[in-house]
């Protein structure tokens, strides 16, 4: 079940990143920058692990990735004028990131 969730999560992030990149290039809507900030860090951390720092607070995992994801979510919420795909891509990325970090990866490393 956890492997399936991981595949679905990274698939969702890939689609969100592709749609956001397309909309930035074609329409240059600023809200899509937040979607890129939500989707790109978990993918980069999976391909090229850069956030291996053990936090002083053991309850916080992946603090650098979490910071960028939360900034992206805040950007989406501040710049979005109405509900639409950017909101759903960002919320799906945030929820998936939290589940992947604290549920999937926590039990795979133990």
PDB file of N, CA and C in Angstrom:
ATOM      1  N   UNK A   1       0.819  -1.194   0.000  1.00  0.00           N
ATOM      2  CA  UNK A   1       0.000   0.000   0.000  1.00  0.00           C
ATOM      3  C   UNK A   1       0.864   1.260   0.000  1.00  0.00           C
ATOM      4  N   UNK A   2       1.968   1.227   0.749  1.00  0.00           N
ATOM      5  CA  UNK A   2       2.830   2.398   0.831  1.00  0.00           C
ATOM      6  C   UNK A   2       3.578   2.637  -0.473  1.00  0.00           C
ATOM      7  N   UNK A   3       3.961   1.567  -1.156  1.00  0.00           N
ATOM      8  CA  UNK A   3       4.619   1.716  -2.459  1.00  0.00           C
ATOM      9  C   UNK A   3       3.653   2.305  -3.481  1.00  0.00           C
ATOM     10  N   UNK A   4       2.399   1.857  -3.449  1.00  0.00           N
ATOM     11  CA  UNK A   4       1.380   2.381  -4.366  1.00  0.00           C
ATOM     12  C   UNK A   4       1.161   3.865  -4.095  1.00  0.00           C
ATOM     13  N   UNK A   5       1.079   4.231  -2.816  1.00  0.00           N
ATOM     14  CA  UNK A   5       0.903   5.644  -2.480  1.00  0.00           C
ATOM     15  C   UNK A   5       2.083   6.467  -2.968  1.00  0.00           C
ATOM     16  N   UNK A   6       3.284   5.957  -2.812  1.00  0.00           N
ATOM     17  CA  UNK A   6       4.469   6.673  -3.254  1.00  0.00           C
ATOM     18  C   UNK A   6       4.450   6.898  -4.766  1.00  0.00           C
ATOM     19  N   UNK A   7       4.054   5.885  -5.530  1.00  0.00           N
ATOM     20  CA  UNK A   7       3.974   6.028  -6.986  1.00  0.00           C
ATOM     21  C   UNK A   7       2.899   7.043  -7.368  1.00  0.00           C
ATOM     22  N   UNK A   8       1.741   6.972  -6.724  1.00  0.00           N
ATOM     23  CA  UNK A   8       0.655   7.918  -7.017  1.00  0.00           C
ATOM     24  C   UNK A   8       1.074   9.345  -6.632  1.00  0.00           C
ATOM     25  N   UNK A   9       1.740   9.496  -5.506  1.00  0.00           N
ATOM     26  CA  UNK A   9       2.173  10.809  -5.039  1.00  0.00           C
ATOM     27  C   UNK A   9       3.155  11.450  -6.021  1.00  0.00           C
ATOM     28  N   UNK A  10       4.177  10.705  -6.436  1.00  0.00           N
ATOM     29  CA  UNK A  10       5.153  11.282  -7.357  1.00  0.00           C
ATOM     30  C   UNK A  10       4.565  11.466  -8.750  1.00  0.00           C
ATOM     31  N   UNK A  11       3.593  10.657  -9.120  1.00  0.00           N
ATOM     32  CA  UNK A  11       2.872  10.883 -10.370  1.00  0.00           C
ATOM     33  C   UNK A  11       2.080  12.175 -10.325  1.00  0.00           C
ATOM     34  N   UNK A  12       1.386  12.409  -9.208  1.00  0.00           N
ATOM     35  CA  UNK A  12       0.626  13.644  -9.015  1.00  0.00           C
ATOM     36  C   UNK A  12       1.551  14.862  -9.072  1.00  0.00           C
ATOM     37  N   UNK A  13       2.703  14.761  -8.411  1.00  0.00           N
ATOM     38  CA  UNK A  13       3.640  15.881  -8.437  1.00  0.00           C
ATOM     39  C   UNK A  13       4.183  16.123  -9.839  1.00  0.00           C
ATOM     40  N   UNK A  14       4.432  15.063 -10.581  1.00  0.00           N
ATOM     41  CA  UNK A  14       4.933  15.220 -11.955  1.00  0.00           C
ATOM     42  C   UNK A  14       3.905  15.902 -12.851  1.00  0.00           C
ATOM     43  N   UNK A  15       2.655  15.497 -12.727  1.00  0.00           N
ATOM     44  CA  UNK A  15       1.591  16.137 -13.516  1.00  0.00           C
ATOM     45  C   UNK A  15       1.434  17.594 -13.097  1.00  0.00           C
ATOM     46  N   UNK A  16       1.454  17.859 -11.793  1.00  0.00           N
ATOM     47  CA  UNK A  16       1.330  19.236 -11.309  1.00  0.00           C
ATOM     48  C   UNK A  16       2.482  20.095 -11.807  1.00  0.00           C
ATOM     49  N   UNK A  17       3.685  19.554 -11.797  1.00  0.00           N
ATOM     50  CA  UNK A  17       4.848  20.300 -12.267  1.00  0.00           C
ATOM     51  C   UNK A  17       4.755  20.573 -13.768  1.00  0.00           C
ATOM     52  N   UNK A  18       4.310  19.591 -14.538  1.00  0.00           N
ATOM     53  CA  UNK A  18       4.173  19.778 -15.989  1.00  0.00           C
ATOM     54  C   UNK A  18       3.114  20.823 -16.314  1.00  0.00           C
ATOM     55  N   UNK A  19       1.963  20.753 -15.650  1.00  0.00           N
ATOM     56  CA  UNK A  19       0.890  21.722 -15.896  1.00  0.00           C
ATOM     57  C   UNK A  19       1.319  23.120 -15.454  1.00  0.00           C
ATOM     58  N   UNK A  20       1.991  23.207 -14.323  1.00  0.00           N
ATOM     59  CA  UNK A  20       2.446  24.517 -13.834  1.00  0.00           C
ATOM     60  C   UNK A  20       3.484  25.123 -14.776  1.00  0.00           C
ATOM     61  N   UNK A  21       4.397  24.315 -15.250  1.00  0.00           N
ATOM     62  CA  UNK A  21       5.405  24.814 -16.178  1.00  0.00           C
ATOM     63  C   UNK A  21       4.763  25.303 -17.473  1.00  0.00           C
ATOM     64  N   UNK A  22       3.801  24.553 -17.974  1.00  0.00           N
ATOM     65  CA  UNK A  22       3.088  24.951 -19.189  1.00  0.00           C
ATOM     66  C   UNK A  22       2.352  26.276 -18.981  1.00  0.00           C
ATOM     67  N   UNK A  23       1.648  26.399 -17.860  1.00  0.00           N
ATOM     68  CA  UNK A  23       0.886  27.627 -17.601  1.00  0.00           C
ATOM     69  C   UNK A  23       1.776  28.837 -17.316  1.00  0.00           C
ATOM     70  N   UNK A  24       2.931  28.610 -16.738  1.00  0.00           N
ATOM     71  CA  UNK A  24       3.871  29.723 -16.540  1.00  0.00           C
ATOM     72  C   UNK A  24       4.410  30.172 -17.893  1.00  0.00           C
ATOM     73  N   UNK A  25       4.736  29.215 -18.750  1.00  0.00           N
ATOM     74  CA  UNK A  25       5.308  29.561 -20.057  1.00  0.00           C
ATOM     75  C   UNK A  25       4.280  30.218 -20.980  1.00  0.00           C
ATOM     76  N   UNK A  26       3.042  29.732 -20.971  1.00  0.00           N
ATOM     77  CA  UNK A  26       2.042  30.232 -21.907  1.00  0.00           C
ATOM     78  C   UNK A  26       1.266  31.457 -21.383  1.00  0.00           C
ATOM     79  N   UNK A  27       0.815  31.407 -20.144  1.00  0.00           N
ATOM     80  CA  UNK A  27      -0.044  32.480 -19.631  1.00  0.00           C
ATOM     81  C   UNK A  27       0.661  33.375 -18.623  1.00  0.00           C
ATOM     82  N   UNK A  28       1.762  32.905 -18.057  1.00  0.00           N
ATOM     83  CA  UNK A  28       2.496  33.590 -16.999  1.00  0.00           C
ATOM     84  C   UNK A  28       1.569  34.073 -15.887  1.00  0.00           C
ATOM     85  N   UNK A  29       0.826  33.120 -15.344  1.00  0.00           N
ATOM     86  CA  UNK A  29      -0.006  33.397 -14.188  1.00  0.00           C
ATOM     87  C   UNK A  29       0.836  33.128 -12.942  1.00  0.00           C
ATOM     88  N   UNK A  30       0.961  34.115 -12.071  1.00  0.00           N
ATOM     89  CA  UNK A  30       1.880  34.024 -10.938  1.00  0.00           C
ATOM     90  C   UNK A  30       1.521  32.940  -9.929  1.00  0.00           C
ATOM     91  N   UNK A  31       0.271  32.516  -9.885  1.00  0.00           N
ATOM     92  CA  UNK A  31      -0.125  31.512  -8.910  1.00  0.00           C
ATOM     93  C   UNK A  31       0.571  30.172  -9.178  1.00  0.00           C
ATOM     94  N   UNK A  32       0.939  29.916 -10.426  1.00  0.00           N
ATOM     95  CA  UNK A  32       1.575  28.640 -10.768  1.00  0.00           C
ATOM     96  C   UNK A  32       2.994  28.539 -10.240  1.00  0.00           C
ATOM     97  N   UNK A  33       3.608  29.669  -9.897  1.00  0.00           N
ATOM     98  CA  UNK A  33       4.939  29.625  -9.275  1.00  0.00           C
ATOM     99  C   UNK A  33       4.855  28.901  -7.937  1.00  0.00           C
ATOM    100  N   UNK A  34       3.775  29.124  -7.198  1.00  0.00           N
ATOM    101  CA  UNK A  34       3.577  28.418  -5.936  1.00  0.00           C
ATOM    102  C   UNK A  34       3.403  26.924  -6.135  1.00  0.00           C
ATOM    103  N   UNK A  35       2.729  26.527  -7.214  1.00  0.00           N
ATOM    104  CA  UNK A  35       2.565  25.100  -7.494  1.00  0.00           C
ATOM    105  C   UNK A  35       3.923  24.471  -7.803  1.00  0.00           C
ATOM    106  N   UNK A  36       4.778  25.190  -8.512  1.00  0.00           N
ATOM    107  CA  UNK A  36       6.133  24.685  -8.774  1.00  0.00           C
ATOM    108  C   UNK A  36       6.903  24.540  -7.467  1.00  0.00           C
ATOM    109  N   UNK A  37       6.753  25.508  -6.563  1.00  0.00           N
ATOM    110  CA  UNK A  37       7.440  25.428  -5.269  1.00  0.00           C
ATOM    111  C   UNK A  37       6.918  24.284  -4.408  1.00  0.00           C
ATOM    112  N   UNK A  38       5.668  23.897  -4.594  1.00  0.00           N
ATOM    113  CA  UNK A  38       5.121  22.754  -3.847  1.00  0.00           C
ATOM    114  C   UNK A  38       5.572  21.437  -4.472  1.00  0.00           C
ATOM    115  N   UNK A  39       5.616  21.360  -5.796  1.00  0.00           N
ATOM    116  CA  UNK A  39       5.853  20.090  -6.474  1.00  0.00           C
ATOM    117  C   UNK A  39       7.330  19.755  -6.666  1.00  0.00           C
ATOM    118  N   UNK A  40       8.171  20.728  -6.894  1.00  0.00           N
ATOM    119  CA  UNK A  40       9.557  20.452  -7.260  1.00  0.00           C
ATOM    120  C   UNK A  40      10.443  19.935  -6.120  1.00  0.00           C
ATOM    121  N   UNK A  41      10.411  20.494  -4.903  1.00  0.00           N
ATOM    122  CA  UNK A  41      11.329  20.017  -3.859  1.00  0.00           C
ATOM    123  C   UNK A  41      11.204  18.538  -3.496  1.00  0.00           C
ATOM    124  N   UNK A  42       9.993  17.964  -3.350  1.00  0.00           N
ATOM    125  CA  UNK A  42       9.957  16.528  -3.042  1.00  0.00           C
ATOM    126  C   UNK A  42      10.514  15.659  -4.173  1.00  0.00           C
ATOM    127  N   UNK A  43      10.286  16.073  -5.431  1.00  0.00           N
ATOM    128  CA  UNK A  43      10.831  15.306  -6.556  1.00  0.00           C
ATOM    129  C   UNK A  43      12.353  15.392  -6.556  1.00  0.00           C
ATOM    130  N   UNK A  44      12.894  16.601  -6.375  1.00  0.00           N
ATOM    131  CA  UNK A  44      14.351  16.760  -6.337  1.00  0.00           C
ATOM    132  C   UNK A  44      14.973  16.013  -5.167  1.00  0.00           C
ATOM    133  N   UNK A  45      14.312  16.024  -4.025  1.00  0.00           N
ATOM    134  CA  UNK A  45      14.847  15.319  -2.860  1.00  0.00           C
ATOM    135  C   UNK A  45      14.813  13.809  -3.058  1.00  0.00           C
ATOM    136  N   UNK A  46      13.889  13.316  -3.857  1.00  0.00           N
ATOM    137  CA  UNK A  46      13.828  11.891  -4.145  1.00  0.00           C
ATOM    138  C   UNK A  46      14.901  11.483  -5.155  1.00  0.00           C
ATOM    139  N   UNK A  47      15.145  12.326  -6.157  1.00  0.00           N
ATOM    140  CA  UNK A  47      16.140  12.027  -7.181  1.00  0.00           C
ATOM    141  C   UNK A  47      17.553  12.305  -6.667  1.00  0.00           C
ATOM    142  N   UNK A  48      17.716  13.444  -6.047  1.00  0.00           N
ATOM    143  CA  UNK A  48      19.017  13.880  -5.542  1.00  0.00           C
ATOM    144  C   UNK A  48      18.842  14.308  -4.085  1.00  0.00           C
ATOM    145  N   UNK A  49      19.061  13.401  -3.130  1.00  0.00           N
ATOM    146  CA  UNK A  49      18.793  13.721  -1.713  1.00  0.00           C
ATOM    147  C   UNK A  49      19.700  14.842  -1.187  1.00  0.00           C
ATOM    148  N   UNK A  50      19.095  15.957  -0.876  1.00  0.00           N
ATOM    149  CA  UNK A  50      19.844  17.093  -0.338  1.00  0.00           C
ATOM    150  C   UNK A  50      19.399  17.444   1.073  1.00  0.00           C
ATOM    151  N   UNK A  51      18.346  16.845   1.563  1.00  0.00           N
ATOM    152  CA  UNK A  51      17.841  17.178   2.892  1.00  0.00           C
ATOM    153  C   UNK A  51      17.979  15.967   3.813  1.00  0.00           C
ATOM    154  N   UNK A  52      19.210  15.673   4.185  1.00  0.00           N
ATOM    155  CA  UNK A  52      19.480  14.548   5.084  1.00  0.00           C
ATOM    156  C   UNK A  52      19.825  15.011   6.492  1.00  0.00           C
ATOM    157  N   UNK A  53      19.658  16.286   6.737  1.00  0.00           N
ATOM    158  CA  UNK A  53      20.032  16.865   8.024  1.00  0.00           C
ATOM    159  C   UNK A  53      19.125  16.330   9.117  1.00  0.00           C
ATOM    160  N   UNK A  54      19.735  15.882  10.191  1.00  0.00           N
ATOM    161  CA  UNK A  54      18.963  15.456  11.350  1.00  0.00           C
ATOM    162  C   UNK A  54      18.645  16.697  12.161  1.00  0.00           C
ATOM    163  N   UNK A  55      17.374  16.974  12.315  1.00  0.00           N
ATOM    164  CA  UNK A  55      16.946  18.168  13.023  1.00  0.00           C
ATOM    165  C   UNK A  55      17.175  18.003  14.523  1.00  0.00           C
ATOM    166  N   UNK A  56      17.359  19.126  15.209  1.00  0.00           N
ATOM    167  CA  UNK A  56      17.493  19.066  16.665  1.00  0.00           C
ATOM    168  C   UNK A  56      16.185  18.624  17.296  1.00  0.00           C
ATOM    169  N   UNK A  57      15.088  18.961  16.643  1.00  0.00           N
ATOM    170  CA  UNK A  57      13.784  18.482  17.066  1.00  0.00           C
ATOM    171  C   UNK A  57      13.492  17.229  16.243  1.00  0.00           C
ATOM    172  N   UNK A  58      13.451  16.077  16.884  1.00  0.00           N
ATOM    173  CA  UNK A  58      13.332  14.824  16.140  1.00  0.00           C
ATOM    174  C   UNK A  58      11.958  14.630  15.513  1.00  0.00           C
ATOM    175  N   UNK A  59      10.994  15.482  15.841  1.00  0.00           N
ATOM    176  CA  UNK A  59       9.666  15.357  15.245  1.00  0.00           C
ATOM    177  C   UNK A  59       9.582  15.996  13.866  1.00  0.00           C
ATOM    178  N   UNK A  60      10.544  16.855  13.520  1.00  0.00           N
ATOM    179  CA  UNK A  60      10.539  17.525  12.223  1.00  0.00           C
ATOM    180  C   UNK A  60      11.426  16.739  11.270  1.00  0.00           C
ATOM    181  N   UNK A  61      10.845  16.297  10.163  1.00  0.00           N
ATOM    182  CA  UNK A  61      11.605  15.567   9.155  1.00  0.00           C
ATOM    183  C   UNK A  61      11.656  16.403   7.885  1.00  0.00           C
ATOM    184  N   UNK A  62      12.773  16.369   7.194  1.00  0.00           N
ATOM    185  CA  UNK A  62      12.990  17.127   5.952  1.00  0.00           C
ATOM    186  C   UNK A  62      12.671  18.608   6.123  1.00  0.00           C
ATOM    187  N   UNK A  63      13.422  19.314   6.975  1.00  0.00           N
ATOM    188  CA  UNK A  63      13.077  20.718   7.235  1.00  0.00           C
ATOM    189  C   UNK A  63      13.248  21.634   6.027  1.00  0.00           C
ATOM    190  N   UNK A  64      14.246  21.395   5.171  1.00  0.00           N
ATOM    191  CA  UNK A  64      14.444  22.260   4.005  1.00  0.00           C
ATOM    192  C   UNK A  64      13.324  22.076   2.987  1.00  0.00           C
ATOM    193  N   UNK A  65      12.968  20.824   2.731  1.00  0.00           N
ATOM    194  CA  UNK A  65      11.886  20.548   1.785  1.00  0.00           C
ATOM    195  C   UNK A  65      10.571  21.080   2.339  1.00  0.00           C
ATOM    196  N   UNK A  66      10.337  20.878   3.624  1.00  0.00           N
ATOM    197  CA  UNK A  66       9.104  21.367   4.252  1.00  0.00           C
ATOM    198  C   UNK A  66       8.982  22.880   4.145  1.00  0.00           C
ATOM    199  N   UNK A  67      10.088  23.585   4.317  1.00  0.00           N
ATOM    200  CA  UNK A  67      10.074  25.044   4.232  1.00  0.00           C
ATOM    201  C   UNK A  67       9.632  25.503   2.847  1.00  0.00           C
ATOM    202  N   UNK A  68      10.202  24.913   1.799  1.00  0.00           N
ATOM    203  CA  UNK A  68       9.865  25.349   0.440  1.00  0.00           C
ATOM    204  C   UNK A  68       8.432  24.957   0.086  1.00  0.00           C
ATOM    205  N   UNK A  69       8.001  23.774   0.516  1.00  0.00           N
ATOM    206  CA  UNK A  69       6.623  23.350   0.248  1.00  0.00           C
ATOM    207  C   UNK A  69       5.635  24.281   0.937  1.00  0.00           C
ATOM    208  N   UNK A  70       5.889  24.652   2.176  1.00  0.00           N
ATOM    209  CA  UNK A  70       4.992  25.559   2.888  1.00  0.00           C
ATOM    210  C   UNK A  70       5.008  26.965   2.279  1.00  0.00           C
ATOM    211  N   UNK A  71       6.165  27.431   1.829  1.00  0.00           N
ATOM    212  CA  UNK A  71       6.221  28.732   1.154  1.00  0.00           C
ATOM    213  C   UNK A  71       5.433  28.697  -0.152  1.00  0.00           C
ATOM    214  N   UNK A  72       5.529  27.607  -0.887  1.00  0.00           N
ATOM    215  CA  UNK A  72       4.754  27.463  -2.114  1.00  0.00           C
ATOM    216  C   UNK A  72       3.263  27.448  -1.849  1.00  0.00           C
ATOM    217  N   UNK A  73       2.861  26.749  -0.795  1.00  0.00           N
ATOM    218  CA  UNK A  73       1.441  26.707  -0.435  1.00  0.00           C
ATOM    219  C   UNK A  73       0.952  28.096  -0.036  1.00  0.00           C
ATOM    220  N   UNK A  74       1.756  28.827   0.720  1.00  0.00           N
ATOM    221  CA  UNK A  74       1.382  30.191   1.098  1.00  0.00           C
ATOM    222  C   UNK A  74       1.281  31.088  -0.136  1.00  0.00           C
ATOM    223  N   UNK A  75       2.202  30.911  -1.086  1.00  0.00           N
ATOM    224  CA  UNK A  75       2.156  31.694  -2.320  1.00  0.00           C
ATOM    225  C   UNK A  75       0.868  31.432  -3.081  1.00  0.00           C
ATOM    226  N   UNK A  76       0.476  30.156  -3.180  1.00  0.00           N
ATOM    227  CA  UNK A  76      -0.765  29.813  -3.877  1.00  0.00           C
ATOM    228  C   UNK A  76      -1.958  30.447  -3.173  1.00  0.00           C
ATOM    229  N   UNK A  77      -2.013  30.334  -1.864  1.00  0.00           N
ATOM    230  CA  UNK A  77      -3.159  30.881  -1.127  1.00  0.00           C
ATOM    231  C   UNK A  77      -3.224  32.402  -1.193  1.00  0.00           C
ATOM    232  N   UNK A  78      -2.090  33.070  -1.262  1.00  0.00           N
ATOM    233  CA  UNK A  78      -2.083  34.535  -1.313  1.00  0.00           C
ATOM    234  C   UNK A  78      -2.358  35.096  -2.707  1.00  0.00           C
ATOM    235  N   UNK A  79      -1.999  34.369  -3.747  1.00  0.00           N
ATOM    236  CA  UNK A  79      -2.144  34.906  -5.096  1.00  0.00           C
ATOM    237  C   UNK A  79      -3.336  34.354  -5.857  1.00  0.00           C
ATOM    238  N   UNK A  80      -4.014  33.377  -5.326  1.00  0.00           N
ATOM    239  CA  UNK A  80      -5.137  32.760  -6.025  1.00  0.00           C
ATOM    240  C   UNK A  80      -6.384  33.622  -5.869  1.00  0.00           C
ATOM    241  N   UNK A  81      -7.021  33.938  -6.996  1.00  0.00           N
ATOM    242  CA  UNK A  81      -8.213  34.793  -6.926  1.00  0.00           C
ATOM    243  C   UNK A  81      -9.497  33.974  -6.800  1.00  0.00           C
ATOM    244  N   UNK A  82      -9.510  32.776  -7.333  1.00  0.00           N
ATOM    245  CA  UNK A  82     -10.683  31.907  -7.222  1.00  0.00           C
ATOM    246  C   UNK A  82     -10.224  30.446  -7.218  1.00  0.00           C
ATOM    247  N   UNK A  83     -11.119  29.568  -6.771  1.00  0.00           N
ATOM    248  CA  UNK A  83     -10.770  28.152  -6.732  1.00  0.00           C
ATOM    249  C   UNK A  83     -10.509  27.631  -8.139  1.00  0.00           C
ATOM    250  N   UNK A  84      -9.541  26.746  -8.251  1.00  0.00           N
ATOM    251  CA  UNK A  84      -9.228  26.169  -9.545  1.00  0.00           C
ATOM    252  C   UNK A  84      -8.126  25.132  -9.408  1.00  0.00           C
ATOM    253  N   UNK A  85      -7.570  24.750 -10.540  1.00  0.00           N
ATOM    254  CA  UNK A  85      -6.546  23.709 -10.548  1.00  0.00           C
ATOM    255  C   UNK A  85      -5.308  24.036  -9.731  1.00  0.00           C
ATOM    256  N   UNK A  86      -4.833  25.269  -9.699  1.00  0.00           N
ATOM    257  CA  UNK A  86      -3.649  25.529  -8.869  1.00  0.00           C
ATOM    258  C   UNK A  86      -3.867  25.168  -7.401  1.00  0.00           C
ATOM    259  N   UNK A  87      -5.044  25.464  -6.888  1.00  0.00           N
ATOM    260  CA  UNK A  87      -5.336  25.135  -5.493  1.00  0.00           C
ATOM    261  C   UNK A  87      -5.338  23.636  -5.269  1.00  0.00           C
ATOM    262  N   UNK A  88      -5.958  22.879  -6.169  1.00  0.00           N
ATOM    263  CA  UNK A  88      -6.044  21.429  -5.986  1.00  0.00           C
ATOM    264  C   UNK A  88      -4.689  20.758  -6.168  1.00  0.00           C
ATOM    265  N   UNK A  89      -3.885  21.256  -7.114  1.00  0.00           N
ATOM    266  CA  UNK A  89      -2.535  20.705  -7.263  1.00  0.00           C
ATOM    267  C   UNK A  89      -1.694  20.989  -6.018  1.00  0.00           C
ATOM    268  N   UNK A  90      -1.799  22.188  -5.478  1.00  0.00           N
ATOM    269  CA  UNK A  90      -1.007  22.546  -4.296  1.00  0.00           C
ATOM    270  C   UNK A  90      -1.479  21.787  -3.058  1.00  0.00           C
ATOM    271  N   UNK A  91      -2.794  21.686  -2.854  1.00  0.00           N
ATOM    272  CA  UNK A  91      -3.299  20.943  -1.688  1.00  0.00           C
ATOM    273  C   UNK A  91      -2.971  19.460  -1.788  1.00  0.00           C
ATOM    274  N   UNK A  92      -3.071  18.904  -2.990  1.00  0.00           N
ATOM    275  CA  UNK A  92      -2.693  17.503  -3.184  1.00  0.00           C
ATOM    276  C   UNK A  92      -1.213  17.284  -2.943  1.00  0.00           C
ATOM    277  N   UNK A  93      -0.394  18.230  -3.381  1.00  0.00           N
ATOM    278  CA  UNK A  93       1.036  18.128  -3.136  1.00  0.00           C
ATOM    279  C   UNK A  93       1.385  18.249  -1.668  1.00  0.00           C
ATOM    280  N   UNK A  94       0.727  19.160  -0.966  1.00  0.00           N
ATOM    281  CA  UNK A  94       0.990  19.334   0.464  1.00  0.00           C
ATOM    282  C   UNK A  94       0.540  18.113   1.259  1.00  0.00           C
ATOM    283  N   UNK A  95      -0.683  17.655   1.012  1.00  0.00           N
ATOM    284  CA  UNK A  95      -1.173  16.474   1.731  1.00  0.00           C
ATOM    285  C   UNK A  95      -0.356  15.235   1.428  1.00  0.00           C
ATOM    286  N   UNK A  96      -0.009  15.051   0.171  1.00  0.00           N
ATOM    287  CA  UNK A  96       0.816  13.907  -0.204  1.00  0.00           C
ATOM    288  C   UNK A  96       2.205  13.984   0.394  1.00  0.00           C
ATOM    289  N   UNK A  97       2.769  15.192   0.442  1.00  0.00           N
ATOM    290  CA  UNK A  97       4.087  15.362   1.037  1.00  0.00           C
ATOM    291  C   UNK A  97       4.069  14.998   2.520  1.00  0.00           C
ATOM    292  N   UNK A  98       3.064  15.463   3.231  1.00  0.00           N
ATOM    293  CA  UNK A  98       2.981  15.146   4.667  1.00  0.00           C
ATOM    294  C   UNK A  98       2.798  13.655   4.898  1.00  0.00           C
ATOM    295  N   UNK A  99       1.904  13.033   4.129  1.00  0.00           N
ATOM    296  CA  UNK A  99       1.716  11.583   4.269  1.00  0.00           C
ATOM    297  C   UNK A  99       2.974  10.815   3.878  1.00  0.00           C
ATOM    298  N   UNK A 100       3.625  11.225   2.806  1.00  0.00           N
ATOM    299  CA  UNK A 100       4.823  10.521   2.357  1.00  0.00           C
ATOM    300  C   UNK A 100       5.964  10.666   3.359  1.00  0.00           C
ATOM    301  N   UNK A 101       6.112  11.855   3.925  1.00  0.00           N
ATOM    302  CA  UNK A 101       7.210  12.096   4.858  1.00  0.00           C
ATOM    303  C   UNK A 101       7.000  11.404   6.198  1.00  0.00           C
ATOM    304  N   UNK A 102       5.797  11.483   6.734  1.00  0.00           N
ATOM    305  CA  UNK A 102       5.576  10.991   8.094  1.00  0.00           C
ATOM    306  C   UNK A 102       4.950   9.606   8.163  1.00  0.00           C
ATOM    307  N   UNK A 103       4.484   9.056   7.050  1.00  0.00           N
ATOM    308  CA  UNK A 103       3.886   7.722   7.071  1.00  0.00           C
ATOM    309  C   UNK A 103       4.702   6.729   6.255  1.00  0.00           C
ATOM    310  N   UNK A 104       4.972   7.063   5.000  1.00  0.00           N
ATOM    311  CA  UNK A 104       5.667   6.121   4.122  1.00  0.00           C
ATOM    312  C   UNK A 104       7.145   6.020   4.471  1.00  0.00           C
ATOM    313  N   UNK A 105       7.833   7.143   4.496  1.00  0.00           N
ATOM    314  CA  UNK A 105       9.279   7.107   4.740  1.00  0.00           C
ATOM    315  C   UNK A 105       9.623   6.744   6.174  1.00  0.00           C
ATOM    316  N   UNK A 106       8.754   7.023   7.110  1.00  0.00           N
ATOM    317  CA  UNK A 106       9.048   6.722   8.516  1.00  0.00           C
ATOM    318  C   UNK A 106       9.144   5.223   8.738  1.00  0.00           C
ATOM    319  N   UNK A 107       8.274   4.446   8.119  1.00  0.00           N
ATOM    320  CA  UNK A 107       8.282   3.015   8.322  1.00  0.00           C
ATOM    321  C   UNK A 107       9.248   2.285   7.397  1.00  0.00           C
ATOM    322  N   UNK A 108       9.641   2.899   6.292  1.00  0.00           N
ATOM    323  CA  UNK A 108      10.601   2.266   5.390  1.00  0.00           C
ATOM    324  C   UNK A 108      12.012   2.322   5.955  1.00  0.00           C
ATOM    325  N   UNK A 109      12.331   3.347   6.744  1.00  0.00           N
ATOM    326  CA  UNK A 109      13.671   3.476   7.284  1.00  0.00           C
ATOM    327  C   UNK A 109      13.867   2.720   8.586  1.00  0.00           C
ATOM    328  N   UNK A 110      12.786   2.311   9.223  1.00  0.00           N
ATOM    329  CA  UNK A 110      12.923   1.615  10.499  1.00  0.00           C
ATOM    330  C   UNK A 110      13.228   0.153  10.301  1.00  0.00           C
TER     331      UNK A 110
END
